[in-house]
C-alpha cells in the first residue's frame, strides 16, 4: 500500500510517499481500506514540528473507508461497512484521565495518510449513511469537537444565541449543529465573501472582525446588550478577550484551539469573574460522542462542508492551502493514488 510518512526535521516538505505492507487483522481488529482523510489545524502543527512526533509517523487523525477484513471475535463490523476513525480510541465515554489519551492517530500514533489501516474496533465507528468517504473523513476531529462543544457540554437549546469564529471545520459544524438545535447564530470572518457563505449556511448575523476590531462589542449589540449564551472559541489567546466581552453573564465559552495564533494576551480575568463565565475546554470528544453525532447527522440530514479534495501525492500542497486560510470548510485527501 501507499502511505505518506514524516521525515526529520518535520516540515511540509519532509513528507514522503512510501510503500508499506498492510497487515492482516488480529483478534478484535478490523482492516479498513482508507478512501479519504481530512486535514485539521492540529495535523499542521504535527507536520510542522510544533507538536512532537516520531520520525516516520503516518500523519492525519481523520480517516474513512470501508472494512475489508475482520479479525477473530469482532462483532458489529463486517466487510463492506463504511466506517470513520475515532480521535481518542481509549475514550469510550464518560470521564477519562488525560494520561489515557496517549494513542491519538496522526501523533503520537500512526494516522490515516495511508491506503489501509488495521486497528482495534475502538478506533472506528460506522459512518453516517449517505455520506461520501470524504464527507465522513471530515467528522473525526472537527465534527466531534463541535458536537461536544454545542451538544454534550453546551446543551444548546432553542432560542439560545451561539457565536462561531471563522470558516474552518469546527466552526461550520458548530453552526450547523446550533441551527439544528434551534439556536440563533452569530458568525465572524475576515472576508465579506465568506460572510455571505456563512449566511447561506444559516448564520443569522455576521461580523467582519477585520473591519470591526471590537467585534465582541458588536456581538453584544446584536443581542440587545444581553450577550451571547454560547461561544465556540477557536482563535485562542488572540481572540479570548473579545469572546469574553461578547458573552452574557453566566455564558458558556468552549475553549477549543488557537487558530488565530499563540500570542499571549493579558487574560481578562476581571471579565470572566464579573460575568461568572463558564470556561469549558474541549479536546475533541469520546467514541460515545461520535456515535451520538453520527445518529444526529443521519436524523437531521446534515452534511459536512467540503472545500477542496487533494490526492495523497499532493499532501504538502494541501497543508500549504490550509495554512493560507483561503478554505471554507474541510480540506480532504483522496487515497486512490
Protein backbone atom coordinates (compact mmCIF):
# COMPACT_ATOMS: atom_id res chain seq x y z
CA UNK A 1 0.00 0.00 0.00
CA UNK A 2 0.97 3.65 -0.33
CA UNK A 3 1.48 5.74 2.79
CA UNK A 4 2.79 9.21 3.48
CA UNK A 5 5.45 9.38 6.20
CA UNK A 6 7.00 12.31 8.01
CA UNK A 7 10.78 12.74 7.98
CA UNK A 8 13.11 14.81 10.13
CA UNK A 9 13.23 17.70 10.64
CA UNK A 10 9.46 17.85 10.43
CA UNK A 11 8.01 20.11 7.74
CA UNK A 12 5.58 20.00 4.84
CA UNK A 13 8.49 19.18 2.56
CA UNK A 14 9.58 16.29 4.81
CA UNK A 15 6.51 14.28 3.80
CA UNK A 16 7.45 11.31 1.60
CA UNK A 17 5.26 8.77 -0.19
CA UNK A 18 6.38 5.25 0.67
CA UNK A 19 5.38 1.63 0.04
CA UNK A 20 4.31 -0.46 3.03
CA UNK A 21 2.83 -3.86 3.70
CA UNK A 22 -0.74 -3.81 5.01
CA UNK A 23 -1.12 -6.38 7.79
CA UNK A 24 -3.99 -8.76 8.41
CA UNK A 25 -6.25 -8.08 11.41
CA UNK A 26 -5.67 -9.89 14.68
CA UNK A 27 -8.33 -10.71 17.28
CA UNK A 28 -10.60 -7.73 17.93
CA UNK A 29 -9.24 -5.80 14.94
CA UNK A 30 -10.57 -4.71 11.57
CA UNK A 31 -8.69 -3.92 8.39
CA UNK A 32 -10.00 -0.83 6.62
CA UNK A 33 -9.37 0.36 3.09
CA UNK A 34 -8.91 4.06 3.73
CA UNK A 35 -10.56 6.03 0.93
CA UNK A 36 -10.28 9.57 2.27
CA UNK A 37 -8.77 11.63 5.06
CA UNK A 38 -9.11 15.25 6.12
CA UNK A 39 -6.80 17.94 7.45
CA UNK A 40 -7.02 19.70 10.80
CA UNK A 41 -5.08 22.59 12.30
CA UNK A 42 -3.60 20.08 14.73
CA UNK A 43 -2.27 17.96 11.84
CA UNK A 44 -0.47 21.02 10.50
CA UNK A 45 1.19 21.59 13.88
CA UNK A 46 2.36 17.96 13.96
CA UNK A 47 3.75 18.03 10.42
CA UNK A 48 5.48 21.38 11.07
CA UNK A 49 7.13 20.05 14.23
CA UNK A 50 5.24 22.27 16.69
CA UNK A 51 3.84 19.12 18.30
CA UNK A 52 6.49 16.38 18.71
CA UNK A 53 6.08 13.29 16.54
CA UNK A 54 8.23 10.20 15.95
CA UNK A 55 10.23 10.01 12.74
CA UNK A 56 8.38 8.07 10.09
CA UNK A 57 4.95 8.95 11.52
CA UNK A 58 1.96 8.49 9.23
CA UNK A 59 0.07 11.79 9.79
CA UNK A 60 -3.63 12.74 9.80
CA UNK A 61 -6.05 11.89 12.58
CA UNK A 62 -9.15 11.60 10.38
CA UNK A 63 -9.78 8.71 8.00
CA UNK A 64 -12.76 6.99 6.40
CA UNK A 65 -13.26 3.98 4.17
CA UNK A 66 -14.70 0.50 4.13
CA UNK A 67 -13.97 -2.63 6.13
CA UNK A 68 -12.22 -5.29 4.04
CA UNK A 69 -11.46 -7.91 6.70
CA UNK A 70 -12.31 -8.62 10.33
CA UNK A 71 -10.30 -10.44 12.98
CA UNK A 72 -11.44 -13.14 15.38
CA UNK A 73 -14.12 -12.12 17.84
CA UNK A 74 -15.16 -8.95 16.03
CA UNK A 75 -18.85 -8.11 16.21
CA UNK A 76 -20.67 -5.07 14.90
CA UNK A 77 -18.47 -4.67 11.82
CA UNK A 78 -18.46 -6.67 8.58
CA UNK A 79 -16.64 -6.41 5.24
CA UNK A 80 -18.19 -3.66 3.15
CA UNK A 81 -19.24 -1.49 6.11
CA UNK A 82 -18.42 2.20 5.73
CA UNK A 83 -16.51 3.44 8.77
CA UNK A 84 -14.84 6.56 10.12
CA UNK A 85 -11.94 6.76 12.56
CA UNK A 86 -12.18 7.91 16.19
CA UNK A 87 -9.85 10.57 17.58
CA UNK A 88 -9.49 9.11 21.10
CA UNK A 89 -9.68 5.31 20.77
CA UNK A 90 -9.12 4.93 24.54
CA UNK A 91 -12.06 7.15 25.48
CA UNK A 92 -15.28 5.14 25.14
CA UNK A 93 -17.35 7.72 27.04
CA UNK A 94 -17.81 9.44 30.38
CA UNK A 95 -14.79 10.68 32.33
CA UNK A 96 -11.28 9.80 31.21
CA UNK A 97 -7.91 10.79 32.65
CA UNK A 98 -5.64 12.74 30.34
CA UNK A 99 -2.89 10.11 30.72
CA UNK A 100 -5.13 7.56 28.97
CA UNK A 101 -5.36 9.67 25.81
CA UNK A 102 -1.94 8.61 24.59
CA UNK A 103 -2.62 6.97 21.24
CA UNK A 104 -4.27 9.63 19.10
CA UNK A 105 -3.83 8.81 15.40
CA UNK A 106 -1.72 11.29 13.47
CA UNK A 107 0.52 11.81 16.50
CA UNK A 108 1.76 10.15 18.58
CA UNK A 109 0.26 7.04 16.89
CA UNK A 110 0.19 6.48 13.13
CA UNK A 111 -2.70 8.17 11.38
CA UNK A 112 -4.61 7.74 8.13
CA UNK A 113 -2.47 9.18 5.32
CA UNK A 114 -2.37 5.63 4.01
CA UNK A 115 -4.41 3.25 1.89
CA UNK A 116 -5.02 0.58 4.55
CA UNK A 117 -5.21 0.65 8.34
CA UNK A 118 -5.54 -2.32 10.67
CA UNK A 119 -6.69 -1.27 14.13
CA UNK A 120 -8.81 -2.44 17.09
CA UNK A 121 -12.54 -1.85 16.65
CA UNK A 122 -12.47 1.04 19.16
CA UNK A 123 -10.57 3.05 16.53
CA UNK A 124 -13.67 3.25 14.29
CA UNK A 125 -17.41 3.79 14.27
CA UNK A 126 -19.85 3.31 11.42
CA UNK A 127 -20.05 6.35 9.14
CA UNK A 128 -23.34 8.23 8.67
CA UNK A 129 -25.45 6.66 5.96
CA UNK A 130 -25.43 8.50 2.65
CA UNK A 131 -22.17 10.42 3.10
CA UNK A 132 -19.22 10.13 0.75
CA UNK A 133 -15.93 8.87 2.18
CA UNK A 134 -14.55 12.42 2.02
CA UNK A 135 -17.54 13.78 3.94
CA UNK A 136 -17.19 11.05 6.56
CA UNK A 137 -13.47 11.76 6.91
CA UNK A 138 -14.35 15.33 7.91
CA UNK A 139 -16.09 14.16 11.09
CA UNK A 140 -13.44 12.67 13.38
CA UNK A 141 -11.84 15.79 14.81
CA UNK A 142 -13.81 18.85 13.71
CA UNK A 143 -17.25 17.26 13.77
CA UNK A 144 -16.91 15.60 17.17
CA UNK A 145 -15.29 18.72 18.65
CA UNK A 146 -18.22 20.85 17.54
CA UNK A 147 -20.73 18.26 18.76
CA UNK A 148 -19.03 18.14 22.16
CA UNK A 149 -19.00 21.94 22.42
CA UNK A 150 -22.57 22.52 21.24
CA UNK A 151 -24.45 19.41 22.38
CA UNK A 152 -22.59 17.40 25.05
CA UNK A 153 -21.12 20.30 27.05
CA UNK A 154 -23.11 23.27 25.77
CA UNK A 155 -26.55 21.65 25.80
CA UNK A 156 -27.69 24.36 23.41
CA UNK A 157 -31.44 24.86 23.45
CA UNK A 158 -33.90 26.50 21.06
CA UNK A 159 -33.72 30.28 21.34
CA UNK A 160 -30.13 30.35 22.62
CA UNK A 161 -27.54 32.52 20.90
CA UNK A 162 -24.31 30.90 19.65
CA UNK A 163 -21.24 32.68 18.28
CA UNK A 164 -18.85 30.86 15.93
CA UNK A 165 -15.49 32.16 14.75
CA UNK A 166 -14.21 31.84 11.20
CA UNK A 167 -14.93 29.29 8.49
CA UNK A 168 -12.90 26.25 9.48
CA UNK A 169 -14.34 22.81 10.03
CA UNK A 170 -15.18 23.13 13.74
CA UNK A 171 -16.94 26.47 13.29
CA UNK A 172 -19.05 25.31 10.34
CA UNK A 173 -20.06 22.10 12.11
CA UNK A 174 -20.94 24.15 15.19
CA UNK A 175 -23.06 26.49 13.07
CA UNK A 176 -24.95 23.52 11.61
CA UNK A 177 -25.46 21.79 14.97
CA UNK A 178 -26.54 25.03 16.66
CA UNK A 179 -29.08 25.83 13.94
CA UNK A 180 -30.40 22.24 14.13
CA UNK A 181 -30.88 22.82 17.88
CA UNK A 182 -32.96 25.93 17.18
CA UNK A 183 -30.34 28.50 18.16
CA UNK A 184 -29.64 31.93 16.72
CA UNK A 185 -26.10 32.01 15.30
CA UNK A 186 -23.71 34.94 15.02
CA UNK A 187 -20.71 34.16 12.79
CA UNK A 188 -17.44 36.02 12.26
CA UNK A 189 -14.96 36.08 9.39
CA UNK A 190 -12.38 38.45 7.96
CA UNK A 191 -13.80 38.37 4.43
CA UNK A 192 -17.15 39.60 3.19
CA UNK A 193 -17.43 36.82 0.60
CA UNK A 194 -17.11 34.23 3.34
CA UNK A 195 -19.66 36.09 5.46
CA UNK A 196 -22.18 35.71 2.65
CA UNK A 197 -21.49 31.98 2.52
CA UNK A 198 -21.98 31.80 6.29
CA UNK A 199 -25.37 33.45 5.83
CA UNK A 200 -26.25 30.90 3.16
CA UNK A 201 -25.32 28.12 5.59
CA UNK A 202 -27.74 29.52 8.16
CA UNK A 203 -25.95 32.24 10.15
CA UNK A 204 -28.48 34.82 11.38
CA UNK A 205 -25.95 37.63 11.90
CA UNK A 206 -22.38 38.09 10.65
CA UNK A 207 -19.45 40.30 11.70
CA UNK A 208 -16.29 41.09 9.77
CA UNK A 209 -13.68 41.01 12.52
CA UNK A 210 -11.11 42.65 10.24
CA UNK A 211 -13.13 45.80 9.76
CA UNK A 212 -14.82 45.67 13.18
CA UNK A 213 -11.87 45.38 15.55
CA UNK A 214 -14.02 45.33 18.69
CA UNK A 215 -16.25 42.57 17.39
CA UNK A 216 -17.10 41.48 20.92
CA UNK A 217 -18.94 44.75 21.43
CA UNK A 218 -20.64 44.30 18.05
CA UNK A 219 -21.86 40.83 19.04
CA UNK A 220 -23.05 42.22 22.36
CA UNK A 221 -25.05 44.89 20.49
CA UNK A 222 -26.66 42.23 18.28
CA UNK A 223 -28.09 40.63 21.42
CA UNK A 224 -29.51 43.91 22.71
CA UNK A 225 -26.68 44.19 25.23
CA UNK A 226 -27.56 40.87 26.90
CA UNK A 227 -24.65 38.88 25.48
CA UNK A 228 -24.11 35.55 23.73
CA UNK A 229 -25.13 32.34 25.52
CA UNK A 230 -22.52 30.05 23.92
CA UNK A 231 -19.24 30.94 22.25
CA UNK A 232 -17.27 28.46 20.15
CA UNK A 233 -13.79 29.85 20.83
CA UNK A 234 -11.28 28.56 18.27
CA UNK A 235 -8.96 31.56 17.97
CA UNK A 236 -7.12 31.10 21.26
CA UNK A 237 -5.30 33.80 23.26
CA UNK A 238 -5.62 36.26 20.38
CA UNK A 239 -9.45 36.25 20.47
CA UNK A 240 -10.34 35.40 24.07
CA UNK A 241 -10.81 38.99 25.20
CA UNK A 242 -13.39 39.73 22.51
CA UNK A 243 -15.16 36.43 23.20
CA UNK A 244 -15.46 37.28 26.89
CA UNK A 245 -16.79 40.74 26.04
CA UNK A 246 -19.40 39.17 23.75
CA UNK A 247 -20.56 36.61 26.32
CA UNK A 248 -23.58 37.09 28.53
CA UNK A 249 -23.44 36.78 32.31
CA UNK A 250 -23.16 33.07 33.10
CA UNK A 251 -22.36 32.34 29.45
CA UNK A 252 -20.62 29.18 28.24
CA UNK A 253 -17.31 29.52 26.41
CA UNK A 254 -16.00 26.38 24.71
CA UNK A 255 -12.19 26.67 24.57
CA UNK A 256 -11.12 24.69 21.52
CA UNK A 257 -8.00 25.89 19.74
CA UNK A 258 -5.56 28.60 18.81
CA UNK A 259 -6.03 29.08 15.07
CA UNK A 260 -5.52 32.81 15.50
CA UNK A 261 -2.03 32.33 16.90
CA UNK A 262 -0.31 31.73 20.19
CA UNK A 263 0.35 35.35 21.16
CA UNK A 264 -0.14 35.86 24.87
CA UNK A 265 -2.74 38.45 25.71
CA UNK A 266 -3.30 39.53 29.30
CA UNK A 267 -6.05 37.18 30.41
CA UNK A 268 -9.08 39.35 31.17
CA UNK A 269 -9.93 37.54 34.40
CA UNK A 270 -11.90 40.55 35.61
CA UNK A 271 -14.41 39.98 32.78
CA UNK A 272 -14.56 36.24 33.49
CA UNK A 273 -15.23 36.86 37.18
CA UNK A 274 -17.64 39.73 36.72
CA UNK A 275 -19.72 37.77 34.21
CA UNK A 276 -19.35 34.44 36.06
CA UNK A 277 -18.41 32.79 32.78
CA UNK A 278 -18.19 29.02 32.43
CA UNK A 279 -14.99 28.15 30.55
CA UNK A 280 -15.07 24.58 29.24
CA UNK A 281 -12.02 23.22 27.43
CA UNK A 282 -12.75 20.79 24.61
CA UNK A 283 -10.25 18.15 23.44
CA UNK A 284 -12.40 16.63 20.68
CA UNK A 285 -14.62 14.01 22.37
CA UNK A 286 -15.28 10.37 23.18
CA UNK A 287 -16.35 7.48 20.98
CA UNK A 288 -19.81 7.85 22.54
CA UNK A 289 -19.89 11.48 21.39
CA UNK A 290 -19.06 10.34 17.87
CA UNK A 291 -21.79 7.69 17.89
CA UNK A 292 -24.30 10.31 19.07
CA UNK A 293 -23.13 12.73 16.37
CA UNK A 294 -23.45 10.09 13.65
CA UNK A 295 -27.05 9.35 14.72
CA UNK A 296 -27.79 13.06 14.89
CA UNK A 297 -26.45 13.75 11.42
CA UNK A 298 -28.43 10.86 9.94
CA UNK A 299 -31.63 12.03 11.64
CA UNK A 300 -31.18 15.67 10.63
CA UNK A 301 -29.76 15.01 7.16
CA UNK A 302 -26.68 17.17 7.81
CA UNK A 303 -23.65 17.04 5.53
CA UNK A 304 -20.15 18.42 6.17
CA UNK A 305 -18.94 21.38 4.15
CA UNK A 306 -16.04 20.25 1.93
CA UNK A 307 -13.85 22.95 0.39
CA UNK A 308 -11.37 21.01 -1.74
CA UNK A 309 -10.05 17.48 -2.21
CA UNK A 310 -6.35 16.81 -2.93
CA UNK A 311 -4.76 13.49 -3.92
CA UNK A 312 -2.46 11.87 -1.36
CA UNK A 313 0.53 12.71 -3.57
CA UNK A 314 -0.24 16.42 -3.01
CA UNK A 315 -0.50 16.29 0.80
CA UNK A 316 2.14 19.01 1.21
CA UNK A 317 0.23 21.29 -1.16
CA UNK A 318 -2.95 20.61 0.81
CA UNK A 319 -1.21 21.73 4.02
CA UNK A 320 0.02 24.90 2.33
CA UNK A 321 -3.57 25.60 1.29
CA UNK A 322 -4.78 25.03 4.86
CA UNK A 323 -2.12 27.42 6.15
CA UNK A 324 -3.24 30.10 3.66
CA UNK A 325 -6.64 30.37 5.32
CA UNK A 326 -8.40 30.51 1.95
CA UNK A 327 -10.57 27.47 2.66
CA UNK A 328 -14.24 27.41 3.63
CA UNK A 329 -14.91 24.13 5.40
CA UNK A 330 -12.83 20.97 5.33
CA UNK A 331 -9.86 20.09 3.13
CA UNK A 332 -9.83 16.39 2.28
CA UNK A 333 -7.36 13.90 0.86
CA UNK A 334 -8.20 11.21 -1.71
CA UNK A 335 -6.26 7.99 -1.05
CA UNK A 336 -6.77 6.47 -4.51
CA UNK A 337 -3.32 7.30 -5.95
